Amino acid sequence: MSRLLLAVLLLATVATAIAVVYERYRHRQLFVDLTRLERERDELNIEFGRLQLEQATWAQSNRIDQVARERLGMKFPEADDIVVVRP
């Protein structure tokens, strides 16, 4: 009877040790994945900041005015060219 109990306890100890080793391995895998995802998140945040800065640059009114004048040949109308239409 005591040999059977000893065998069961030994088997349970070995199974627990194997489970601990597996969980530590899994933990390391998940930590590596977490680190990779955090690095990717940081790179995406940097890219997002660059894109926001670029959008702000392109949306500035003086930039729009410059493009309208240079590329489209637009200009502000003279006072004599303005017609007010009233209903």
N, C-alpha and C. Protein backbone atom coordinates (compact mmCIF):
# COMPACT_ATOMS: atom_id res chain seq x y z
N MET A 1 0.82 -1.19 0.00
CA MET A 1 0.00 0.00 0.00
C MET A 1 0.87 1.26 0.00
N SER A 2 1.91 1.33 0.84
CA SER A 2 2.76 2.50 0.91
C SER A 2 3.57 2.66 -0.38
N ARG A 3 3.90 1.53 -1.02
CA ARG A 3 4.61 1.63 -2.31
C ARG A 3 3.70 2.24 -3.37
N LEU A 4 2.46 1.89 -3.37
CA LEU A 4 1.50 2.45 -4.32
C LEU A 4 1.33 3.95 -4.06
N LEU A 5 1.23 4.34 -2.82
CA LEU A 5 1.11 5.74 -2.47
C LEU A 5 2.37 6.50 -2.87
N LEU A 6 3.52 5.91 -2.64
CA LEU A 6 4.79 6.51 -3.01
C LEU A 6 4.87 6.68 -4.53
N ALA A 7 4.43 5.68 -5.28
CA ALA A 7 4.43 5.76 -6.75
C ALA A 7 3.50 6.86 -7.23
N VAL A 8 2.34 6.97 -6.63
CA VAL A 8 1.37 8.00 -7.02
C VAL A 8 1.93 9.38 -6.71
N LEU A 9 2.53 9.54 -5.54
CA LEU A 9 3.11 10.83 -5.18
C LEU A 9 4.29 11.19 -6.08
N LEU A 10 5.11 10.20 -6.41
CA LEU A 10 6.22 10.44 -7.34
C LEU A 10 5.70 10.86 -8.71
N LEU A 11 4.69 10.18 -9.20
CA LEU A 11 4.10 10.52 -10.50
C LEU A 11 3.49 11.92 -10.46
N ALA A 12 2.83 12.27 -9.37
CA ALA A 12 2.24 13.60 -9.23
C ALA A 12 3.33 14.67 -9.18
N THR A 13 4.43 14.38 -8.50
CA THR A 13 5.55 15.32 -8.43
C THR A 13 6.17 15.55 -9.80
N VAL A 14 6.38 14.48 -10.56
CA VAL A 14 6.95 14.59 -11.90
C VAL A 14 5.99 15.36 -12.82
N ALA A 15 4.71 15.06 -12.72
CA ALA A 15 3.72 15.76 -13.56
C ALA A 15 3.69 17.24 -13.21
N THR A 16 3.77 17.56 -11.92
CA THR A 16 3.78 18.97 -11.50
C THR A 16 5.04 19.67 -12.00
N ALA A 17 6.17 19.00 -11.94
CA ALA A 17 7.43 19.59 -12.42
C ALA A 17 7.36 19.86 -13.92
N ILE A 18 6.81 18.91 -14.66
CA ILE A 18 6.66 19.10 -16.11
C ILE A 18 5.71 20.26 -16.40
N ALA A 19 4.64 20.37 -15.63
CA ALA A 19 3.70 21.48 -15.82
C ALA A 19 4.36 22.82 -15.51
N VAL A 20 5.20 22.87 -14.47
CA VAL A 20 5.89 24.11 -14.13
C VAL A 20 6.84 24.50 -15.25
N VAL A 21 7.59 23.55 -15.79
CA VAL A 21 8.52 23.83 -16.89
C VAL A 21 7.76 24.33 -18.11
N TYR A 22 6.67 23.68 -18.43
CA TYR A 22 5.87 24.10 -19.59
C TYR A 22 5.33 25.51 -19.40
N GLU A 23 4.82 25.82 -18.22
CA GLU A 23 4.25 27.15 -17.97
C GLU A 23 5.33 28.23 -18.01
N ARG A 24 6.52 27.93 -17.52
CA ARG A 24 7.61 28.91 -17.63
C ARG A 24 7.99 29.15 -19.08
N TYR A 25 8.03 28.08 -19.87
CA TYR A 25 8.31 28.21 -21.31
C TYR A 25 7.23 29.06 -21.98
N ARG A 26 5.98 28.79 -21.66
CA ARG A 26 4.85 29.54 -22.23
C ARG A 26 4.93 31.01 -21.81
N HIS A 27 5.28 31.24 -20.56
CA HIS A 27 5.43 32.61 -20.06
C HIS A 27 6.49 33.35 -20.85
N ARG A 28 7.62 32.71 -21.12
CA ARG A 28 8.68 33.34 -21.91
C ARG A 28 8.20 33.67 -23.31
N GLN A 29 7.47 32.73 -23.93
CA GLN A 29 6.93 32.99 -25.27
C GLN A 29 6.00 34.19 -25.25
N LEU A 30 5.12 34.25 -24.28
CA LEU A 30 4.17 35.37 -24.20
C LEU A 30 4.89 36.68 -23.92
N PHE A 31 5.95 36.64 -23.11
CA PHE A 31 6.70 37.85 -22.83
C PHE A 31 7.40 38.36 -24.08
N VAL A 32 7.95 37.44 -24.88
CA VAL A 32 8.59 37.84 -26.15
C VAL A 32 7.55 38.46 -27.08
N ASP A 33 6.37 37.85 -27.15
CA ASP A 33 5.29 38.42 -27.98
C ASP A 33 4.88 39.80 -27.49
N LEU A 34 4.77 39.95 -26.17
CA LEU A 34 4.40 41.25 -25.60
C LEU A 34 5.43 42.31 -25.94
N THR A 35 6.70 41.97 -25.82
CA THR A 35 7.76 42.92 -26.14
C THR A 35 7.71 43.32 -27.60
N ARG A 36 7.50 42.35 -28.49
CA ARG A 36 7.41 42.65 -29.92
C ARG A 36 6.22 43.55 -30.22
N LEU A 37 5.09 43.26 -29.61
CA LEU A 37 3.89 44.07 -29.83
C LEU A 37 4.04 45.49 -29.26
N GLU A 38 4.71 45.62 -28.12
CA GLU A 38 4.95 46.95 -27.57
C GLU A 38 5.87 47.75 -28.48
N ARG A 39 6.88 47.10 -29.05
CA ARG A 39 7.78 47.79 -29.98
C ARG A 39 7.01 48.22 -31.22
N GLU A 40 6.16 47.34 -31.72
CA GLU A 40 5.35 47.67 -32.90
C GLU A 40 4.39 48.83 -32.59
N ARG A 41 3.80 48.81 -31.39
CA ARG A 41 2.91 49.90 -30.98
C ARG A 41 3.67 51.23 -30.94
N ASP A 42 4.87 51.20 -30.38
CA ASP A 42 5.66 52.42 -30.30
C ASP A 42 6.01 52.95 -31.70
N GLU A 43 6.36 52.04 -32.61
CA GLU A 43 6.67 52.47 -33.98
C GLU A 43 5.44 53.05 -34.66
N LEU A 44 4.28 52.45 -34.43
CA LEU A 44 3.04 52.98 -35.01
C LEU A 44 2.69 54.34 -34.41
N ASN A 45 2.93 54.53 -33.12
CA ASN A 45 2.67 55.84 -32.50
C ASN A 45 3.58 56.91 -33.09
N ILE A 46 4.83 56.55 -33.34
CA ILE A 46 5.76 57.51 -33.96
C ILE A 46 5.28 57.86 -35.37
N GLU A 47 4.90 56.85 -36.14
CA GLU A 47 4.41 57.09 -37.50
C GLU A 47 3.14 57.93 -37.48
N PHE A 48 2.25 57.68 -36.52
CA PHE A 48 1.02 58.45 -36.39
C PHE A 48 1.34 59.92 -36.10
N GLY A 49 2.30 60.15 -35.23
CA GLY A 49 2.71 61.53 -34.93
C GLY A 49 3.26 62.22 -36.16
N ARG A 50 4.06 61.50 -36.94
CA ARG A 50 4.59 62.08 -38.18
C ARG A 50 3.46 62.43 -39.15
N LEU A 51 2.50 61.54 -39.26
CA LEU A 51 1.38 61.79 -40.18
C LEU A 51 0.53 62.97 -39.71
N GLN A 52 0.34 63.10 -38.40
CA GLN A 52 -0.41 64.24 -37.89
C GLN A 52 0.33 65.55 -38.18
N LEU A 53 1.63 65.53 -38.02
CA LEU A 53 2.43 66.72 -38.31
C LEU A 53 2.35 67.06 -39.80
N GLU A 54 2.43 66.05 -40.64
CA GLU A 54 2.35 66.28 -42.09
C GLU A 54 0.97 66.83 -42.46
N GLN A 55 -0.08 66.27 -41.86
CA GLN A 55 -1.43 66.76 -42.15
C GLN A 55 -1.58 68.21 -41.71
N ALA A 56 -1.04 68.54 -40.55
CA ALA A 56 -1.13 69.92 -40.07
C ALA A 56 -0.38 70.86 -41.00
N THR A 57 0.75 70.40 -41.52
CA THR A 57 1.53 71.23 -42.44
C THR A 57 0.76 71.48 -43.73
N TRP A 58 0.17 70.42 -44.27
CA TRP A 58 -0.55 70.56 -45.53
C TRP A 58 -1.85 71.35 -45.36
N ALA A 59 -2.40 71.37 -44.17
CA ALA A 59 -3.69 72.03 -43.96
C ALA A 59 -3.56 73.49 -43.54
N GLN A 60 -2.35 73.98 -43.37
CA GLN A 60 -2.19 75.38 -42.98
C GLN A 60 -2.73 76.29 -44.08
N SER A 61 -3.39 77.35 -43.64
CA SER A 61 -4.04 78.23 -44.61
C SER A 61 -3.03 78.92 -45.52
N ASN A 62 -1.87 79.26 -45.01
CA ASN A 62 -0.89 79.92 -45.88
C ASN A 62 -0.37 78.94 -46.93
N ARG A 63 -0.31 77.67 -46.59
CA ARG A 63 0.10 76.65 -47.58
C ARG A 63 -0.98 76.51 -48.65
N ILE A 64 -2.22 76.51 -48.25
CA ILE A 64 -3.33 76.43 -49.22
C ILE A 64 -3.33 77.66 -50.11
N ASP A 65 -3.11 78.82 -49.52
CA ASP A 65 -3.05 80.07 -50.29
C ASP A 65 -1.90 80.02 -51.30
N GLN A 66 -0.76 79.53 -50.88
CA GLN A 66 0.41 79.44 -51.76
C GLN A 66 0.15 78.51 -52.94
N VAL A 67 -0.43 77.36 -52.67
CA VAL A 67 -0.73 76.41 -53.75
C VAL A 67 -1.77 76.99 -54.70
N ALA A 68 -2.79 77.65 -54.14
CA ALA A 68 -3.83 78.25 -54.99
C ALA A 68 -3.24 79.31 -55.91
N ARG A 69 -2.32 80.10 -55.41
CA ARG A 69 -1.71 81.15 -56.22
C ARG A 69 -0.75 80.57 -57.26
N GLU A 70 0.11 79.66 -56.85
CA GLU A 70 1.15 79.16 -57.75
C GLU A 70 0.64 78.14 -58.77
N ARG A 71 -0.06 77.15 -58.31
CA ARG A 71 -0.48 76.06 -59.22
C ARG A 71 -1.75 76.38 -59.99
N LEU A 72 -2.68 77.06 -59.32
CA LEU A 72 -3.98 77.29 -59.96
C LEU A 72 -4.12 78.70 -60.50
N GLY A 73 -3.16 79.56 -60.20
CA GLY A 73 -3.22 80.93 -60.71
C GLY A 73 -4.36 81.73 -60.10
N MET A 74 -4.78 81.37 -58.91
CA MET A 74 -5.89 82.09 -58.28
C MET A 74 -5.37 83.33 -57.56
N LYS A 75 -6.27 84.28 -57.35
CA LYS A 75 -5.94 85.49 -56.61
C LYS A 75 -7.21 86.02 -55.97
N PHE A 76 -7.04 86.90 -55.00
CA PHE A 76 -8.19 87.51 -54.37
C PHE A 76 -8.82 88.49 -55.37
N PRO A 77 -10.15 88.53 -55.43
CA PRO A 77 -10.79 89.47 -56.36
C PRO A 77 -10.61 90.91 -55.90
N GLU A 78 -10.57 91.80 -56.85
CA GLU A 78 -10.49 93.23 -56.55
C GLU A 78 -11.86 93.68 -56.05
N ALA A 79 -11.89 94.82 -55.42
CA ALA A 79 -13.15 95.32 -54.86
C ALA A 79 -14.19 95.55 -55.95
N ASP A 80 -13.75 95.94 -57.14
CA ASP A 80 -14.69 96.20 -58.25
C ASP A 80 -15.27 94.90 -58.81
N ASP A 81 -14.56 93.79 -58.60
CA ASP A 81 -15.02 92.50 -59.15
C ASP A 81 -16.02 91.79 -58.23
N ILE A 82 -16.22 92.28 -57.03
CA ILE A 82 -17.12 91.63 -56.09
C ILE A 82 -18.54 92.13 -56.31
N VAL A 83 -19.45 91.19 -56.47
CA VAL A 83 -20.88 91.50 -56.66
C VAL A 83 -21.65 90.86 -55.53
N VAL A 84 -22.45 91.64 -54.84
CA VAL A 84 -23.26 91.12 -53.75
C VAL A 84 -24.66 90.89 -54.30
N VAL A 85 -25.15 89.70 -54.14
CA VAL A 85 -26.48 89.35 -54.61
C VAL A 85 -27.39 89.24 -53.40
N ARG A 86 -28.47 89.97 -53.42
CA ARG A 86 -29.40 89.95 -52.29
C ARG A 86 -30.69 89.29 -52.75
N PRO A 87 -31.28 88.54 -51.89
CA PRO A 87 -32.55 87.84 -52.26
C PRO A 87 -33.73 88.76 -52.43
